[in-house]
Amino acid sequence: MRIRSRVRRIVALVALAPLVVAAHAHADEVRVMTSGGFTAALLELVPEFERTTGHKVLTAFGASMGGAPDSIPSRLARGEPADVVILARPALDDLAAQGRVLPGTAVDLVRSLMGMVVRAGARKPDISSVDALKHTLLEARSIAYSASASGVYLSTELFPRLGIADQIRGKSRRIESERVAAVVARGEAEIGFQQISELLPVPGVDYVGPLPEGAQQATIFSAAIAAGARAPDAARALVRFLSSSAAFPVIRKSGLEPAAPYGNR
């Protein structure tokens, strides 16, 4: 009986072997370019995707917009390979207009809000209202903000609307290729603004809170399949996973909200 049992197990293993080989044969490398707003969530979600699919995710990081060498538009313009790009929706729409992503593949992933940090242990200024935020900006010795989506909004829309753009220009610093919170943590800026999901993971700062109603602007971060993707099927599988309800707990933990309740465009 033992011999027969062993034979049956051997036969079963031989029968399963082609399936195992086939699964590995279809495993692909998925090259992802992501902006900072979705980075924390992506890094936590990737291991589960790799475990369940066998695919390997290779990640590059950069800003959604701007001319920094490591920004996503600059990377794509240089011809760096990518299967999936994840960035602020307006920047993704620009890439689509340039033919750098496949038509009809854009999927909204998360809704992101902006917040403010100070150096760890420093006094937390009041930003609970638009007037309080304006006062804090005028009183701050130095201000840092991102060169990407949140900073573009602050410098071109909010500060002018508050009527303080000229007054704070000399003490404001636009941060490229680095988290704003890292600059604040080193004491190089008194207050710093960026997407909340980009502020929370950085040590050495205290999170003050989100921008108040009337000053806040939500940013939608979206994914799309890059033109010339080498592993388009695996790339689509990754985007499906990132936009599924299975990803929602991790997304919320990182300071974001799933875009699904707000609808995809």
Protein backbone atom coordinates (compact mmCIF):
# COMPACT_ATOMS: atom_id res chain seq x y z
CA MET A 1 0.00 0.00 0.00
CA ARG A 2 2.86 2.38 0.83
CA ILE A 3 4.41 1.77 -2.59
CA ARG A 4 1.10 2.48 -4.32
CA SER A 5 0.67 5.67 -2.28
CA ARG A 6 4.15 6.88 -3.22
CA VAL A 7 3.47 6.10 -6.87
CA ARG A 8 0.25 8.11 -6.77
CA ARG A 9 2.09 11.09 -5.23
CA ILE A 10 4.82 10.90 -7.85
CA VAL A 11 2.22 10.75 -10.63
CA ALA A 12 0.43 13.79 -9.14
CA LEU A 13 3.68 15.78 -8.94
CA VAL A 14 4.54 14.92 -12.54
CA ALA A 15 1.07 16.02 -13.63
CA LEU A 16 1.37 19.34 -11.74
CA ALA A 17 4.89 20.13 -12.94
CA PRO A 18 3.84 21.59 -16.32
CA LEU A 19 1.38 23.91 -14.53
CA VAL A 20 4.07 25.17 -12.16
CA VAL A 21 6.48 25.71 -15.04
CA ALA A 22 3.77 27.48 -17.04
CA ALA A 23 3.01 29.81 -14.12
CA HIS A 24 6.67 30.83 -13.85
CA ALA A 25 6.95 31.09 -17.64
CA HIS A 26 4.19 33.72 -17.64
CA ALA A 27 5.64 35.72 -14.76
CA ASP A 28 6.70 39.16 -15.94
CA GLU A 29 8.64 42.14 -14.67
CA VAL A 30 6.32 45.13 -14.33
CA ARG A 31 8.13 48.46 -14.39
CA VAL A 32 6.24 51.12 -12.46
CA MET A 33 6.92 54.85 -12.29
CA THR A 34 5.07 56.44 -9.36
CA SER A 35 4.90 59.89 -7.88
CA GLY A 36 5.33 60.43 -4.15
CA GLY A 37 1.65 60.70 -3.29
CA PHE A 38 1.06 57.00 -3.89
CA THR A 39 4.50 55.69 -2.94
CA ALA A 40 3.80 54.54 0.64
CA ALA A 41 0.67 52.64 -0.37
CA LEU A 42 2.33 51.08 -3.42
CA LEU A 43 5.34 49.80 -1.49
CA GLU A 44 3.07 48.07 1.02
CA LEU A 45 0.77 46.58 -1.64
CA VAL A 46 3.40 45.28 -4.06
CA PRO A 47 4.50 42.20 -2.02
CA GLU A 48 0.94 40.83 -1.99
CA PHE A 49 0.60 41.34 -5.74
CA GLU A 50 3.94 39.61 -6.35
CA ARG A 51 3.02 36.71 -4.06
CA THR A 52 -0.34 36.05 -5.71
CA THR A 53 0.69 36.54 -9.35
CA GLY A 54 4.35 35.61 -9.55
CA HIS A 55 5.08 38.90 -11.31
CA LYS A 56 7.96 41.09 -10.15
CA VAL A 57 7.41 44.82 -9.73
CA LEU A 58 10.34 47.20 -10.34
CA THR A 59 9.64 50.71 -9.07
CA ALA A 60 11.05 54.11 -10.01
CA PHE A 61 10.06 57.30 -8.22
CA GLY A 62 9.56 60.85 -9.44
CA ALA A 63 7.34 63.91 -9.32
CA SER A 64 4.15 64.08 -11.35
CA MET A 65 5.26 67.26 -13.07
CA GLY A 66 8.13 69.70 -13.31
CA GLY A 67 11.50 69.60 -15.01
CA ALA A 68 13.54 67.71 -12.42
CA PRO A 69 15.62 64.95 -14.04
CA ASP A 70 13.85 62.27 -12.00
CA SER A 71 10.31 63.55 -12.61
CA ILE A 72 8.07 61.09 -14.43
CA PRO A 73 7.65 63.31 -17.54
CA SER A 74 11.46 63.70 -17.74
CA ARG A 75 12.03 59.95 -17.33
CA LEU A 76 9.57 59.13 -20.10
CA ALA A 77 10.99 61.85 -22.36
CA ARG A 78 14.43 60.19 -22.00
CA GLY A 79 12.93 56.89 -23.09
CA GLU A 80 13.17 55.10 -19.74
CA PRO A 81 11.08 51.90 -19.93
CA ALA A 82 7.78 51.77 -18.06
CA ASP A 83 4.71 49.54 -18.02
CA VAL A 84 2.62 51.51 -15.52
CA VAL A 85 2.71 55.18 -14.56
CA ILE A 86 1.01 56.51 -11.42
CA LEU A 87 0.76 60.26 -11.00
CA ALA A 88 -1.57 63.22 -10.49
CA ARG A 89 -4.46 63.07 -12.94
CA PRO A 90 -3.76 66.42 -14.68
CA ALA A 91 -0.18 65.30 -15.35
CA LEU A 92 -1.42 61.93 -16.60
CA ASP A 93 -3.81 63.70 -18.95
CA ASP A 94 -0.84 65.66 -20.32
CA LEU A 95 1.04 62.39 -20.93
CA ALA A 96 -2.01 60.98 -22.70
CA ALA A 97 -2.13 64.02 -24.99
CA GLN A 98 1.54 63.37 -25.83
CA GLY A 99 0.82 59.74 -26.66
CA ARG A 100 2.97 58.44 -23.78
CA VAL A 101 0.20 56.27 -22.27
CA LEU A 102 -2.23 53.93 -24.00
CA PRO A 103 -5.66 55.46 -24.69
CA GLY A 104 -8.47 54.29 -22.47
CA THR A 105 -6.24 52.75 -19.79
CA ALA A 106 -6.35 55.51 -17.14
CA VAL A 107 -7.82 54.47 -13.80
CA ASP A 108 -8.25 56.81 -10.82
CA LEU A 109 -6.73 55.19 -7.73
CA VAL A 110 -6.82 57.60 -4.79
CA ARG A 111 -7.93 60.99 -3.57
CA SER A 112 -5.19 62.92 -1.78
CA LEU A 113 -5.32 65.99 0.47
CA MET A 114 -2.57 68.43 1.41
CA GLY A 115 -1.23 68.99 4.89
CA MET A 116 1.45 70.85 6.84
CA VAL A 117 4.36 69.76 9.05
CA VAL A 118 6.81 71.41 11.43
CA ARG A 119 10.08 70.10 12.80
CA ALA A 120 9.60 67.54 15.58
CA GLY A 121 9.02 69.28 18.90
CA ALA A 122 8.36 72.70 17.39
CA ARG A 123 5.22 74.70 18.14
CA LYS A 124 2.31 73.74 15.91
CA PRO A 125 0.81 76.88 14.32
CA ASP A 126 -2.92 77.23 13.85
CA ILE A 127 -4.15 76.37 10.35
CA SER A 128 -7.73 75.50 11.31
CA SER A 129 -9.24 78.22 9.12
CA VAL A 130 -8.26 80.14 6.01
CA ASP A 131 -7.54 83.27 8.09
CA ALA A 132 -5.42 81.24 10.53
CA LEU A 133 -3.48 79.66 7.66
CA LYS A 134 -2.86 83.09 6.12
CA HIS A 135 -1.55 84.39 9.44
CA THR A 136 0.72 81.35 9.85
CA LEU A 137 2.16 81.83 6.37
CA LEU A 138 2.87 85.51 7.00
CA GLU A 139 4.45 84.84 10.41
CA ALA A 140 6.60 81.85 9.35
CA ARG A 141 10.32 82.50 8.97
CA SER A 142 10.57 80.07 6.03
CA ILE A 143 8.20 77.96 3.95
CA ALA A 144 8.78 74.84 1.85
CA TYR A 145 6.44 73.30 -0.69
CA SER A 146 6.64 70.65 -3.38
CA ALA A 147 7.62 71.31 -6.97
CA SER A 148 4.88 68.89 -8.04
CA ALA A 149 1.06 69.06 -8.01
CA SER A 150 0.51 70.38 -4.47
CA GLY A 151 3.18 73.07 -4.77
CA VAL A 152 1.93 74.21 -8.16
CA TYR A 153 -1.51 74.73 -6.64
CA LEU A 154 -0.12 76.60 -3.62
CA SER A 155 2.18 78.93 -5.55
CA THR A 156 -0.01 79.66 -8.56
CA GLU A 157 -3.50 79.58 -7.03
CA LEU A 158 -3.77 79.64 -3.24
CA PHE A 159 -1.06 82.15 -2.29
CA PRO A 160 -2.21 84.68 -4.92
CA ARG A 161 -5.84 84.17 -3.87
CA LEU A 162 -4.89 84.90 -0.25
CA GLY A 163 -3.17 88.07 -1.45
CA ILE A 164 0.19 87.15 0.08
CA ALA A 165 2.18 85.77 -2.88
CA ASP A 166 4.54 88.75 -3.05
CA GLN A 167 4.96 88.95 0.74
CA ILE A 168 6.07 85.35 1.19
CA ARG A 169 7.95 84.79 -2.08
CA GLY A 170 11.35 85.64 -0.61
CA LYS A 171 11.05 83.15 2.24
CA SER A 172 9.47 80.33 0.22
CA ARG A 173 11.40 77.41 -1.25
CA ARG A 174 10.27 75.03 -3.98
CA ILE A 175 11.53 71.50 -3.28
CA GLU A 176 12.52 69.17 -6.13
CA SER A 177 13.54 65.49 -5.94
CA GLU A 178 13.04 65.30 -2.16
CA ARG A 179 10.24 65.10 0.36
CA VAL A 180 9.30 68.49 1.78
CA ALA A 181 9.17 66.97 5.27
CA ALA A 182 12.85 65.97 5.02
CA VAL A 183 13.77 69.62 4.47
CA VAL A 184 11.69 70.65 7.49
CA ALA A 185 13.21 67.85 9.59
CA ARG A 186 16.70 69.26 8.91
CA GLY A 187 15.57 72.70 10.06
CA GLU A 188 15.90 74.23 6.60
CA ALA A 189 12.27 75.39 6.60
CA GLU A 190 9.98 76.22 9.50
CA ILE A 191 6.79 74.89 7.90
CA GLY A 192 6.26 72.58 4.94
CA PHE A 193 3.33 71.66 2.72
CA GLN A 194 2.78 68.55 0.59
CA GLN A 195 0.36 65.67 0.07
CA ILE A 196 -0.42 64.18 3.50
CA SER A 197 0.65 60.72 2.31
CA GLU A 198 4.10 62.13 1.52
CA LEU A 199 4.46 63.89 4.88
CA LEU A 200 3.44 61.10 7.26
CA PRO A 201 6.26 58.58 6.59
CA VAL A 202 9.10 61.07 7.15
CA PRO A 203 10.82 61.00 10.57
CA GLY A 204 11.82 64.16 12.37
CA VAL A 205 8.63 66.14 11.80
CA ASP A 206 5.29 66.62 13.53
CA TYR A 207 2.16 66.60 11.39
CA VAL A 208 0.07 69.71 12.08
CA GLY A 209 -3.01 68.80 10.04
CA PRO A 210 -4.72 69.19 6.68
CA LEU A 211 -5.27 72.49 4.98
CA PRO A 212 -8.63 73.97 6.04
CA GLU A 213 -11.76 74.00 3.97
CA GLY A 214 -11.55 76.90 1.56
CA ALA A 215 -7.82 76.38 1.07
CA GLN A 216 -7.72 72.63 0.51
CA GLN A 217 -7.59 71.05 -2.94
CA ALA A 218 -7.93 67.31 -3.46
CA THR A 219 -5.63 65.69 -6.00
CA ILE A 220 -6.61 62.49 -7.78
CA PHE A 221 -3.72 60.11 -8.44
CA SER A 222 -4.29 57.79 -11.37
CA ALA A 223 -2.61 54.90 -13.13
CA ALA A 224 -2.30 54.11 -16.83
CA ILE A 225 -0.47 51.68 -19.08
CA ALA A 226 2.56 53.27 -20.66
CA ALA A 227 2.91 53.35 -24.42
CA GLY A 228 5.41 50.69 -25.40
CA ALA A 229 4.77 48.65 -22.25
CA ARG A 230 6.72 45.39 -22.40
CA ALA A 231 4.33 43.52 -20.10
CA PRO A 232 0.90 45.06 -20.77
CA ASP A 233 -1.14 42.14 -19.40
CA ALA A 234 0.77 42.05 -16.12
CA ALA A 235 0.56 45.85 -15.98
CA ARG A 236 -3.23 45.72 -16.32
CA ALA A 237 -3.37 43.08 -13.58
CA LEU A 238 -1.42 45.38 -11.26
CA VAL A 239 -3.70 48.35 -11.96
CA ARG A 240 -6.76 46.16 -11.32
CA PHE A 241 -5.29 45.10 -7.98
CA LEU A 242 -4.36 48.64 -6.92
CA SER A 243 -7.88 49.88 -7.70
CA SER A 244 -9.64 46.94 -6.03
CA SER A 245 -11.28 46.93 -2.60
CA ALA A 246 -8.47 44.64 -1.39
CA ALA A 247 -6.15 47.65 -1.55
CA PHE A 248 -8.43 50.06 0.35
CA PRO A 249 -7.20 49.39 3.93
CA VAL A 250 -3.57 50.04 2.97
CA ILE A 251 -4.56 53.10 0.96
CA ARG A 252 -6.42 54.59 3.93
CA LYS A 253 -3.58 53.79 6.33
CA SER A 254 -1.18 55.80 4.14
CA GLY A 255 -3.30 58.96 4.47
CA LEU A 256 -5.22 58.62 1.20
CA GLU A 257 -8.80 57.79 0.27
CA PRO A 258 -9.74 55.30 -2.48
CA ALA A 259 -10.94 57.11 -5.58
CA ALA A 260 -13.61 54.49 -6.26
CA PRO A 261 -16.28 56.10 -4.04
CA TYR A 262 -15.80 59.32 -5.99
CA GLY A 263 -15.97 57.64 -9.39
CA ASN A 264 -13.47 57.21 -12.22
CA ARG A 265 -13.47 59.65 -15.08
